[in-house]
Amino acid sequence: MNKIYTPLDIVWIKNVTNSDTGESYMDKDEEFILHFPKKHGKNASSPKIGEIIVIYQNIGKDKKRVFTHLVSPVDNIMFEDNSGKFNCRRVKVIAKTDIENAIPVSSTLWKEVNFQGISQGNACKIENIENIENYDLLLQDLWNKFIPYFRTDFKTSLTINEYLETKIEIDNTDDPISVEEGKLRLVTHYVRERDRNIIREKKQEAIQTQNLKCEICDFSFIDKFGVEFIECHHKTPISQSGVTETTLDDLGLVCANCHRMLHKQFNGKFLTMDELKQIINTNI
């Protein structure tokens, strides 16, 4: 069975060019060799199996910037092409448009992103792009735009992601609020974002007690920006807990910065909220 992908698997963005035809890899429907300029050293080895690279290129006489592919490495092998000018990776096509339906960058949320530093043919990690805002929304926007062009082999990912968006329903009772999670054991972060009802309840509880701030660093969006905003984090990842009933006590309210750190591995493991709080307090 093919890997089940989610929008959060879109990790890299890469520019491709072809001075001879004006377009690149548009005749490739399953697997192909993706070229990386050798001037970027071993950049070609950076994307890992299971991570998605979104490809964009400038096509036509007016050099219109468009998205054309979602691809992922087949293996972890980097090799030189016959010319010796490029490092290469073999990738599989997850989704691909045709030329006529290439997705204009101007039609997406990416129209506000500065492409200056990501236009040299290297694989650029999206989370490292300077001044990028609404990271998760950018990934979801790309995913949605490519939905009509997913290969048949990967349409299960579309079905399951759609299922997750509509799965959770909470009865209108006075019982303690909880939701069943984890049956599909997908990426924890993405499942978390679909549980809108319990997250809304958690935030409302904090608003009512005038305690809507990051439980790790005490940052308050209300104090800083005058808006009732915060993010929500599962204290125990669904990937570890399996099918479980999640209550309000199982969730933590965190700012965007701390939340990002909770989903970043340090020495091969994720930090708990208490561990991250200890690090912050130690470095103050």
C-alpha atoms as a PDB file:
ATOM      1  CA  MET A   1       0.000   0.000   0.000  1.00  0.00           C
ATOM      2  CA  ASN A   2       1.299   3.482  -0.836  1.00  0.00           C
ATOM      3  CA  LYS A   3       2.061   5.904   1.966  1.00  0.00           C
ATOM      4  CA  ILE A   4      -0.885   8.031   3.045  1.00  0.00           C
ATOM      5  CA  TYR A   5       0.163  11.646   2.517  1.00  0.00           C
ATOM      6  CA  THR A   6      -1.212  14.764   4.200  1.00  0.00           C
ATOM      7  CA  PRO A   7      -0.640  18.466   3.444  1.00  0.00           C
ATOM      8  CA  LEU A   8       2.010  18.564   6.178  1.00  0.00           C
ATOM      9  CA  ASP A   9       4.152  16.165   4.148  1.00  0.00           C
ATOM     10  CA  ILE A  10       4.777  19.050   1.729  1.00  0.00           C
ATOM     11  CA  VAL A  11       8.196  19.994   3.097  1.00  0.00           C
ATOM     12  CA  TRP A  12      10.224  21.297   0.132  1.00  0.00           C
ATOM     13  CA  ILE A  13       9.823  23.669  -2.798  1.00  0.00           C
ATOM     14  CA  LYS A  14      12.043  23.539  -5.874  1.00  0.00           C
ATOM     15  CA  ASN A  15      12.362  25.563  -9.067  1.00  0.00           C
ATOM     16  CA  VAL A  16      13.073  23.743 -12.349  1.00  0.00           C
ATOM     17  CA  THR A  17      13.950  25.159 -15.767  1.00  0.00           C
ATOM     18  CA  ASN A  18      14.530  23.935 -19.307  1.00  0.00           C
ATOM     19  CA  SER A  19      15.971  26.460 -21.754  1.00  0.00           C
ATOM     20  CA  ASP A  20      15.347  24.141 -24.730  1.00  0.00           C
ATOM     21  CA  THR A  21      11.639  23.420 -24.329  1.00  0.00           C
ATOM     22  CA  GLY A  22      10.562  26.098 -21.853  1.00  0.00           C
ATOM     23  CA  GLU A  23       9.075  23.480 -19.533  1.00  0.00           C
ATOM     24  CA  SER A  24      10.447  20.612 -17.445  1.00  0.00           C
ATOM     25  CA  TYR A  25       9.327  17.067 -16.627  1.00  0.00           C
ATOM     26  CA  MET A  26       5.862  17.591 -18.082  1.00  0.00           C
ATOM     27  CA  ASP A  27       6.066  14.274 -19.956  1.00  0.00           C
ATOM     28  CA  LYS A  28       6.794  12.347 -16.744  1.00  0.00           C
ATOM     29  CA  ASP A  29       3.749  10.679 -15.203  1.00  0.00           C
ATOM     30  CA  GLU A  30       5.124   8.138 -12.719  1.00  0.00           C
ATOM     31  CA  GLU A  31       8.841   8.288 -11.869  1.00  0.00           C
ATOM     32  CA  PHE A  32      11.672  10.424 -13.187  1.00  0.00           C
ATOM     33  CA  ILE A  33      15.134  11.729 -12.345  1.00  0.00           C
ATOM     34  CA  LEU A  34      15.029  15.171 -10.727  1.00  0.00           C
ATOM     35  CA  HIS A  35      18.109  17.362 -11.289  1.00  0.00           C
ATOM     36  CA  PHE A  36      19.753  19.675  -8.751  1.00  0.00           C
ATOM     37  CA  PRO A  37      22.603  22.085  -9.687  1.00  0.00           C
ATOM     38  CA  LYS A  38      25.901  20.791  -8.303  1.00  0.00           C
ATOM     39  CA  LYS A  39      26.757  24.314  -7.137  1.00  0.00           C
ATOM     40  CA  HIS A  40      24.405  23.613  -4.246  1.00  0.00           C
ATOM     41  CA  GLY A  41      26.585  20.713  -3.122  1.00  0.00           C
ATOM     42  CA  LYS A  42      24.651  17.869  -1.539  1.00  0.00           C
ATOM     43  CA  ASN A  43      21.340  19.732  -1.457  1.00  0.00           C
ATOM     44  CA  ALA A  44      19.856  16.959  -3.600  1.00  0.00           C
ATOM     45  CA  SER A  45      20.220  14.565  -0.679  1.00  0.00           C
ATOM     46  CA  SER A  46      18.149  16.733   1.684  1.00  0.00           C
ATOM     47  CA  PRO A  47      14.576  15.600   0.849  1.00  0.00           C
ATOM     48  CA  LYS A  48      13.770  12.280   2.513  1.00  0.00           C
ATOM     49  CA  ILE A  49      11.497   9.414   1.543  1.00  0.00           C
ATOM     50  CA  GLY A  50       7.939  10.365   2.494  1.00  0.00           C
ATOM     51  CA  GLU A  51       8.542  14.109   2.147  1.00  0.00           C
ATOM     52  CA  ILE A  52       6.844  15.953  -0.711  1.00  0.00           C
ATOM     53  CA  ILE A  53       8.634  18.407  -2.988  1.00  0.00           C
ATOM     54  CA  VAL A  54       6.431  20.938  -4.771  1.00  0.00           C
ATOM     55  CA  ILE A  55       7.884  21.910  -8.140  1.00  0.00           C
ATOM     56  CA  TYR A  56       7.349  25.271  -9.758  1.00  0.00           C
ATOM     57  CA  GLN A  57       8.637  26.663 -13.041  1.00  0.00           C
ATOM     58  CA  ASN A  58       8.297  29.641 -15.365  1.00  0.00           C
ATOM     59  CA  ILE A  59       6.545  28.696 -18.606  1.00  0.00           C
ATOM     60  CA  GLY A  60       5.406  30.404 -21.797  1.00  0.00           C
ATOM     61  CA  LYS A  61       6.647  33.543 -23.491  1.00  0.00           C
ATOM     62  CA  ASP A  62       5.636  35.612 -20.498  1.00  0.00           C
ATOM     63  CA  LYS A  63       7.472  33.248 -18.111  1.00  0.00           C
ATOM     64  CA  LYS A  64       4.398  32.793 -15.978  1.00  0.00           C
ATOM     65  CA  ARG A  65       5.272  31.220 -12.625  1.00  0.00           C
ATOM     66  CA  VAL A  66       3.265  28.044 -12.058  1.00  0.00           C
ATOM     67  CA  PHE A  67       3.156  24.968  -9.830  1.00  0.00           C
ATOM     68  CA  THR A  68       3.241  21.718 -11.815  1.00  0.00           C
ATOM     69  CA  HIS A  69       4.228  18.736  -9.631  1.00  0.00           C
ATOM     70  CA  LEU A  70       4.087  17.150  -6.216  1.00  0.00           C
ATOM     71  CA  VAL A  71       6.830  14.523  -6.051  1.00  0.00           C
ATOM     72  CA  SER A  72       8.581  12.452  -3.381  1.00  0.00           C
ATOM     73  CA  PRO A  73      11.935  10.614  -3.377  1.00  0.00           C
ATOM     74  CA  VAL A  74      11.841   6.930  -4.255  1.00  0.00           C
ATOM     75  CA  ASP A  75      15.033   6.224  -2.295  1.00  0.00           C
ATOM     76  CA  ASN A  76      17.827   8.055  -0.504  1.00  0.00           C
ATOM     77  CA  ILE A  77      20.381   7.660  -3.289  1.00  0.00           C
ATOM     78  CA  MET A  78      21.984  10.787  -4.777  1.00  0.00           C
ATOM     79  CA  PHE A  79      23.943  10.418  -8.029  1.00  0.00           C
ATOM     80  CA  GLU A  80      25.476  12.519 -10.801  1.00  0.00           C
ATOM     81  CA  ASP A  81      23.948  12.804 -14.257  1.00  0.00           C
ATOM     82  CA  ASN A  82      25.962  11.902 -17.370  1.00  0.00           C
ATOM     83  CA  SER A  83      27.051  15.506 -17.933  1.00  0.00           C
ATOM     84  CA  GLY A  84      28.522  15.778 -14.461  1.00  0.00           C
ATOM     85  CA  LYS A  85      26.745  19.124 -13.993  1.00  0.00           C
ATOM     86  CA  PHE A  86      23.900  17.933 -11.797  1.00  0.00           C
ATOM     87  CA  ASN A  87      23.247  15.836  -8.732  1.00  0.00           C
ATOM     88  CA  CYS A  88      20.114  13.751  -9.111  1.00  0.00           C
ATOM     89  CA  ARG A  89      17.370  11.959  -7.192  1.00  0.00           C
ATOM     90  CA  ARG A  90      14.799   9.520  -8.480  1.00  0.00           C
ATOM     91  CA  VAL A  91      11.316  10.715  -7.505  1.00  0.00           C
ATOM     92  CA  LYS A  92       7.764   9.482  -7.934  1.00  0.00           C
ATOM     93  CA  VAL A  93       4.910  11.656  -9.095  1.00  0.00           C
ATOM     94  CA  ILE A  94       2.123  12.096  -6.548  1.00  0.00           C
ATOM     95  CA  ALA A  95       0.275  14.799  -8.491  1.00  0.00           C
ATOM     96  CA  LYS A  96       0.996  16.574 -11.779  1.00  0.00           C
ATOM     97  CA  THR A  97      -0.873  19.099 -13.876  1.00  0.00           C
ATOM     98  CA  ASP A  98      -0.669  19.382 -17.622  1.00  0.00           C
ATOM     99  CA  ILE A  99       0.692  22.549 -19.218  1.00  0.00           C
ATOM    100  CA  GLU A 100      -2.756  23.998 -19.936  1.00  0.00           C
ATOM    101  CA  ASN A 101      -3.835  23.550 -16.320  1.00  0.00           C
ATOM    102  CA  ALA A 102      -0.588  24.421 -14.564  1.00  0.00           C
ATOM    103  CA  ILE A 103      -1.443  26.211 -11.317  1.00  0.00           C
ATOM    104  CA  PRO A 104      -0.513  29.923 -11.428  1.00  0.00           C
ATOM    105  CA  VAL A 105       1.271  31.022  -8.289  1.00  0.00           C
ATOM    106  CA  SER A 106      -0.810  34.200  -8.520  1.00  0.00           C
ATOM    107  CA  SER A 107      -3.973  32.117  -7.947  1.00  0.00           C
ATOM    108  CA  THR A 108      -2.702  30.767  -4.611  1.00  0.00           C
ATOM    109  CA  LEU A 109      -1.754  32.099  -1.195  1.00  0.00           C
ATOM    110  CA  TRP A 110       1.839  31.796  -2.378  1.00  0.00           C
ATOM    111  CA  LYS A 111       1.467  35.004  -4.376  1.00  0.00           C
ATOM    112  CA  GLU A 112       2.533  36.869  -1.228  1.00  0.00           C
ATOM    113  CA  VAL A 113       5.697  34.773  -0.741  1.00  0.00           C
ATOM    114  CA  ASN A 114       9.077  36.173  -1.783  1.00  0.00           C
ATOM    115  CA  PHE A 115      10.528  33.636  -4.245  1.00  0.00           C
ATOM    116  CA  GLN A 116      13.877  35.396  -4.569  1.00  0.00           C
ATOM    117  CA  GLY A 117      15.760  32.948  -2.370  1.00  0.00           C
ATOM    118  CA  ILE A 118      14.090  29.806  -3.715  1.00  0.00           C
ATOM    119  CA  SER A 119      14.590  30.254  -7.449  1.00  0.00           C
ATOM    120  CA  GLN A 120      18.054  28.768  -7.943  1.00  0.00           C
ATOM    121  CA  GLY A 121      17.130  25.128  -8.508  1.00  0.00           C
ATOM    122  CA  ASN A 122      17.906  23.939  -4.996  1.00  0.00           C
ATOM    123  CA  ALA A 123      15.419  22.230  -2.712  1.00  0.00           C
ATOM    124  CA  CYS A 124      14.341  24.857  -0.195  1.00  0.00           C
ATOM    125  CA  LYS A 125      12.684  23.818   3.038  1.00  0.00           C
ATOM    126  CA  ILE A 126       9.415  25.707   3.192  1.00  0.00           C
ATOM    127  CA  GLU A 127       9.575  26.322   6.934  1.00  0.00           C
ATOM    128  CA  ASN A 128      12.934  28.101   6.447  1.00  0.00           C
ATOM    129  CA  ILE A 129      11.654  30.694   3.985  1.00  0.00           C
ATOM    130  CA  GLU A 130      12.127  34.130   5.533  1.00  0.00           C
ATOM    131  CA  ASN A 131       9.078  36.148   6.558  1.00  0.00           C
ATOM    132  CA  ILE A 132       6.694  33.345   5.652  1.00  0.00           C
ATOM    133  CA  GLU A 133       3.298  33.594   7.331  1.00  0.00           C
ATOM    134  CA  ASN A 134       0.412  31.144   7.715  1.00  0.00           C
ATOM    135  CA  TYR A 135       2.693  28.140   7.141  1.00  0.00           C
ATOM    136  CA  ASP A 136      -0.009  25.488   7.501  1.00  0.00           C
ATOM    137  CA  LEU A 137      -2.436  27.461   5.332  1.00  0.00           C
ATOM    138  CA  LEU A 138       0.140  27.627   2.526  1.00  0.00           C
ATOM    139  CA  LEU A 139       0.513  23.846   2.596  1.00  0.00           C
ATOM    140  CA  GLN A 140      -3.235  23.277   2.671  1.00  0.00           C
ATOM    141  CA  ASP A 141      -3.706  25.723  -0.201  1.00  0.00           C
ATOM    142  CA  LEU A 142      -1.187  23.823  -2.348  1.00  0.00           C
ATOM    143  CA  TRP A 143      -2.811  20.514  -1.465  1.00  0.00           C
ATOM    144  CA  ASN A 144      -6.248  21.788  -2.434  1.00  0.00           C
ATOM    145  CA  LYS A 145      -5.019  23.166  -5.762  1.00  0.00           C
ATOM    146  CA  PHE A 146      -3.440  19.814  -6.692  1.00  0.00           C
ATOM    147  CA  ILE A 147      -6.436  17.653  -5.701  1.00  0.00           C
ATOM    148  CA  PRO A 148      -7.742  17.287  -9.308  1.00  0.00           C
ATOM    149  CA  TYR A 149      -4.305  16.112 -10.458  1.00  0.00           C
ATOM    150  CA  PHE A 150      -3.423  13.374  -7.957  1.00  0.00           C
ATOM    151  CA  ARG A 151      -2.361  10.112  -9.540  1.00  0.00           C
ATOM    152  CA  THR A 152      -4.807   7.263  -9.039  1.00  0.00           C
ATOM    153  CA  ASP A 153      -2.260   5.432  -6.871  1.00  0.00           C
ATOM    154  CA  PHE A 154      -2.360   8.239  -4.312  1.00  0.00           C
ATOM    155  CA  LYS A 155      -6.037   9.183  -4.263  1.00  0.00           C
ATOM    156  CA  THR A 156      -6.458   7.213  -1.051  1.00  0.00           C
ATOM    157  CA  SER A 157      -4.636  10.109   0.616  1.00  0.00           C
ATOM    158  CA  LEU A 158      -7.350  12.463  -0.624  1.00  0.00           C
ATOM    159  CA  THR A 159     -10.123  10.198   0.630  1.00  0.00           C
ATOM    160  CA  ILE A 160      -8.633   9.789   4.100  1.00  0.00           C
ATOM    161  CA  ASN A 161      -7.826  13.483   4.495  1.00  0.00           C
ATOM    162  CA  GLU A 162     -11.379  14.372   3.505  1.00  0.00           C
ATOM    163  CA  TYR A 163     -12.610  11.783   5.996  1.00  0.00           C
ATOM    164  CA  LEU A 164     -10.570  13.348   8.781  1.00  0.00           C
ATOM    165  CA  GLU A 165     -12.049  16.764   8.070  1.00  0.00           C
ATOM    166  CA  THR A 166     -15.603  15.508   8.542  1.00  0.00           C
ATOM    167  CA  LYS A 167     -15.110  12.621  10.969  1.00  0.00           C
ATOM    168  CA  ILE A 168     -15.366  14.219  14.386  1.00  0.00           C
ATOM    169  CA  GLU A 169     -18.849  14.970  15.641  1.00  0.00           C
ATOM    170  CA  ILE A 170     -19.651  15.795  19.240  1.00  0.00           C
ATOM    171  CA  ASP A 171     -23.061  15.101  20.738  1.00  0.00           C
ATOM    172  CA  ASN A 172     -24.903  18.047  22.265  1.00  0.00           C
ATOM    173  CA  THR A 173     -24.915  16.695  25.818  1.00  0.00           C
ATOM    174  CA  ASP A 174     -23.749  17.933  29.189  1.00  0.00           C
ATOM    175  CA  ASP A 175     -21.189  15.131  29.450  1.00  0.00           C
ATOM    176  CA  PRO A 176     -17.481  16.067  29.552  1.00  0.00           C
ATOM    177  CA  ILE A 177     -16.427  16.891  26.028  1.00  0.00           C
ATOM    178  CA  SER A 178     -14.242  14.279  24.303  1.00  0.00           C
ATOM    179  CA  VAL A 179     -13.577  12.963  20.811  1.00  0.00           C
ATOM    180  CA  GLU A 180     -12.389   9.631  19.448  1.00  0.00           C
ATOM    181  CA  GLU A 181      -9.042   9.963  17.747  1.00  0.00           C
ATOM    182  CA  GLY A 182      -6.240   7.980  16.231  1.00  0.00           C
ATOM    183  CA  LYS A 183      -7.895   5.159  14.297  1.00  0.00           C
ATOM    184  CA  LEU A 184      -6.070   6.053  11.098  1.00  0.00           C
ATOM    185  CA  ARG A 185      -2.807   6.858  12.908  1.00  0.00           C
ATOM    186  CA  LEU A 186      -1.845   9.646  10.537  1.00  0.00           C
ATOM    187  CA  VAL A 187       0.437  12.576  11.265  1.00  0.00           C
ATOM    188  CA  THR A 188      -0.498  13.810  14.730  1.00  0.00           C
ATOM    189  CA  HIS A 189      -0.350  17.518  13.887  1.00  0.00           C
ATOM    190  CA  TYR A 190      -2.790  17.201  10.999  1.00  0.00           C
ATOM    191  CA  VAL A 191      -5.285  15.116  12.969  1.00  0.00           C
ATOM    192  CA  ARG A 192      -5.104  17.667  15.770  1.00  0.00           C
ATOM    193  CA  GLU A 193      -6.071  20.519  13.477  1.00  0.00           C
ATOM    194  CA  ARG A 194      -9.201  18.667  12.324  1.00  0.00           C
ATOM    195  CA  ASP A 195     -10.627  18.429  15.863  1.00  0.00           C
ATOM    196  CA  ARG A 196     -12.157  21.857  15.712  1.00  0.00           C
ATOM    197  CA  ASN A 197     -14.880  21.322  18.308  1.00  0.00           C
ATOM    198  CA  ILE A 198     -12.743  20.229  21.230  1.00  0.00           C
ATOM    199  CA  ILE A 199     -10.066  22.799  20.382  1.00  0.00           C
ATOM    200  CA  ARG A 200     -12.700  25.536  20.329  1.00  0.00           C
ATOM    201  CA  GLU A 201     -13.963  24.347  23.714  1.00  0.00           C
ATOM    202  CA  LYS A 202     -10.442  24.378  25.148  1.00  0.00           C
ATOM    203  CA  LYS A 203      -9.887  27.946  23.981  1.00  0.00           C
ATOM    204  CA  GLN A 204     -13.246  29.118  25.271  1.00  0.00           C
ATOM    205  CA  GLU A 205     -12.436  27.693  28.686  1.00  0.00           C
ATOM    206  CA  ALA A 206      -9.220  29.744  28.758  1.00  0.00           C
ATOM    207  CA  ILE A 207     -11.006  32.895  27.589  1.00  0.00           C
ATOM    208  CA  GLN A 208     -13.623  32.561  30.314  1.00  0.00           C
ATOM    209  CA  THR A 209     -10.930  32.215  32.985  1.00  0.00           C
ATOM    210  CA  GLN A 210      -8.910  35.082  31.425  1.00  0.00           C
ATOM    211  CA  ASN A 211      -5.979  32.712  30.952  1.00  0.00           C
ATOM    212  CA  LEU A 212      -5.617  32.648  27.169  1.00  0.00           C
ATOM    213  CA  LYS A 213      -1.833  32.529  26.957  1.00  0.00           C
ATOM    214  CA  CYS A 214       0.919  30.090  26.062  1.00  0.00           C
ATOM    215  CA  GLU A 215       1.317  27.496  28.802  1.00  0.00           C
ATOM    216  CA  ILE A 216       5.029  27.265  28.010  1.00  0.00           C
ATOM    217  CA  CYS A 217       6.353  30.819  27.565  1.00  0.00           C
ATOM    218  CA  ASP A 218       3.317  32.852  28.815  1.00  0.00           C
ATOM    219  CA  PHE A 219       3.049  34.767  25.521  1.00  0.00           C
ATOM    220  CA  SER A 220      -0.387  36.383  25.170  1.00  0.00           C
ATOM    221  CA  PHE A 221      -1.836  37.288  21.779  1.00  0.00           C
ATOM    222  CA  ILE A 222      -4.433  39.366  23.613  1.00  0.00           C
ATOM    223  CA  ASP A 223      -1.792  41.489  25.342  1.00  0.00           C
ATOM    224  CA  LYS A 224       0.400  41.813  22.249  1.00  0.00           C
ATOM    225  CA  PHE A 225      -2.116  42.110  19.417  1.00  0.00           C
ATOM    226  CA  GLY A 226      -5.507  42.476  21.060  1.00  0.00           C
ATOM    227  CA  VAL A 227      -6.882  39.258  19.520  1.00  0.00           C
ATOM    228  CA  GLU A 228      -8.204  36.107  21.169  1.00  0.00           C
ATOM    229  CA  PHE A 229      -5.860  33.653  19.481  1.00  0.00           C
ATOM    230  CA  ILE A 230      -3.817  30.627  20.565  1.00  0.00           C
ATOM    231  CA  GLU A 231      -2.845  27.215  19.154  1.00  0.00           C
ATOM    232  CA  CYS A 232      -3.666  23.827  20.642  1.00  0.00           C
ATOM    233  CA  HIS A 233      -1.329  20.866  21.200  1.00  0.00           C
ATOM    234  CA  HIS A 234      -1.930  17.208  22.106  1.00  0.00           C
ATOM    235  CA  LYS A 235       0.150  16.441  25.178  1.00  0.00           C
ATOM    236  CA  THR A 236       0.314  12.795  24.138  1.00  0.00           C
ATOM    237  CA  PRO A 237       0.802  12.270  20.378  1.00  0.00           C
ATOM    238  CA  ILE A 238      -1.918  10.203  18.745  1.00  0.00           C
ATOM    239  CA  SER A 239       0.804   8.141  17.079  1.00  0.00           C
ATOM    240  CA  GLN A 240       1.680   6.864  20.563  1.00  0.00           C
ATOM    241  CA  SER A 241      -1.762   6.615  22.121  1.00  0.00           C
ATOM    242  CA  GLY A 242      -3.670   4.909  19.291  1.00  0.00           C
ATOM    243  CA  VAL A 243      -7.472   5.082  19.596  1.00  0.00           C
ATOM    244  CA  THR A 244      -8.246   7.126  22.682  1.00  0.00           C
ATOM    245  CA  GLU A 245     -10.741   9.554  24.129  1.00  0.00           C
ATOM    246  CA  THR A 246      -9.229  13.029  24.237  1.00  0.00           C
ATOM    247  CA  THR A 247     -10.469  15.391  26.938  1.00  0.00           C
ATOM    248  CA  LEU A 248      -9.732  19.044  27.550  1.00  0.00           C
ATOM    249  CA  ASP A 249      -7.045  18.107  30.073  1.00  0.00           C
ATOM    250  CA  ASP A 250      -5.172  16.240  27.323  1.00  0.00           C
ATOM    251  CA  LEU A 251      -4.702  19.463  25.343  1.00  0.00           C
ATOM    252  CA  GLY A 252      -2.308  22.345  25.925  1.00  0.00           C
ATOM    253  CA  LEU A 253      -2.580  25.930  24.717  1.00  0.00           C
ATOM    254  CA  VAL A 254       0.634  27.194  23.127  1.00  0.00           C
ATOM    255  CA  CYS A 255       1.892  30.046  20.951  1.00  0.00           C
ATOM    256  CA  ALA A 256       2.959  29.371  17.369  1.00  0.00           C
ATOM    257  CA  ASN A 257       6.692  29.447  18.200  1.00  0.00           C
ATOM    258  CA  CYS A 258       6.479  26.949  21.046  1.00  0.00           C
ATOM    259  CA  HIS A 259       4.114  24.779  19.026  1.00  0.00           C
ATOM    260  CA  ARG A 260       6.662  24.577  16.209  1.00  0.00           C
ATOM    261  CA  MET A 261       9.321  23.469  18.677  1.00  0.00           C
ATOM    262  CA  LEU A 262       7.046  20.772  20.097  1.00  0.00           C
ATOM    263  CA  HIS A 263       6.776  19.292  16.595  1.00  0.00           C
ATOM    264  CA  LYS A 264      10.518  19.421  15.979  1.00  0.00           C
ATOM    265  CA  GLN A 265      12.674  16.453  16.957  1.00  0.00           C
ATOM    266  CA  PHE A 266      15.677  16.998  19.224  1.00  0.00           C
ATOM    267  CA  ASN A 267      18.155  14.114  19.261  1.00  0.00           C
ATOM    268  CA  GLY A 268      15.523  11.881  17.690  1.00  0.00           C
ATOM    269  CA  LYS A 269      12.613  12.664  20.013  1.00  0.00           C
ATOM    270  CA  PHE A 270       9.916  15.277  20.552  1.00  0.00           C
ATOM    271  CA  LEU A 271       9.953  17.459  23.647  1.00  0.00           C
ATOM    272  CA  THR A 272       7.092  17.502  26.118  1.00  0.00           C
ATOM    273  CA  MET A 273       5.587  20.827  27.083  1.00  0.00           C
ATOM    274  CA  ASP A 274       7.337  20.664  30.472  1.00  0.00           C
ATOM    275  CA  GLU A 275      10.709  19.915  28.843  1.00  0.00           C
ATOM    276  CA  LEU A 276      10.396  22.833  26.440  1.00  0.00           C
ATOM    277  CA  LYS A 277       9.326  25.130  29.288  1.00  0.00           C
ATOM    278  CA  GLN A 278      12.405  24.080  31.265  1.00  0.00           C
ATOM    279  CA  ILE A 279      14.670  24.874  28.311  1.00  0.00           C
ATOM    280  CA  ILE A 280      13.118  28.325  27.900  1.00  0.00           C
ATOM    281  CA  ASN A 281      13.399  29.118  31.612  1.00  0.00           C
ATOM    282  CA  THR A 282      17.016  27.927  31.664  1.00  0.00           C
ATOM    283  CA  ASN A 283      17.964  30.209  28.779  1.00  0.00           C
ATOM    284  CA  ILE A 284      16.241  33.335  30.051  1.00  0.00           C
END
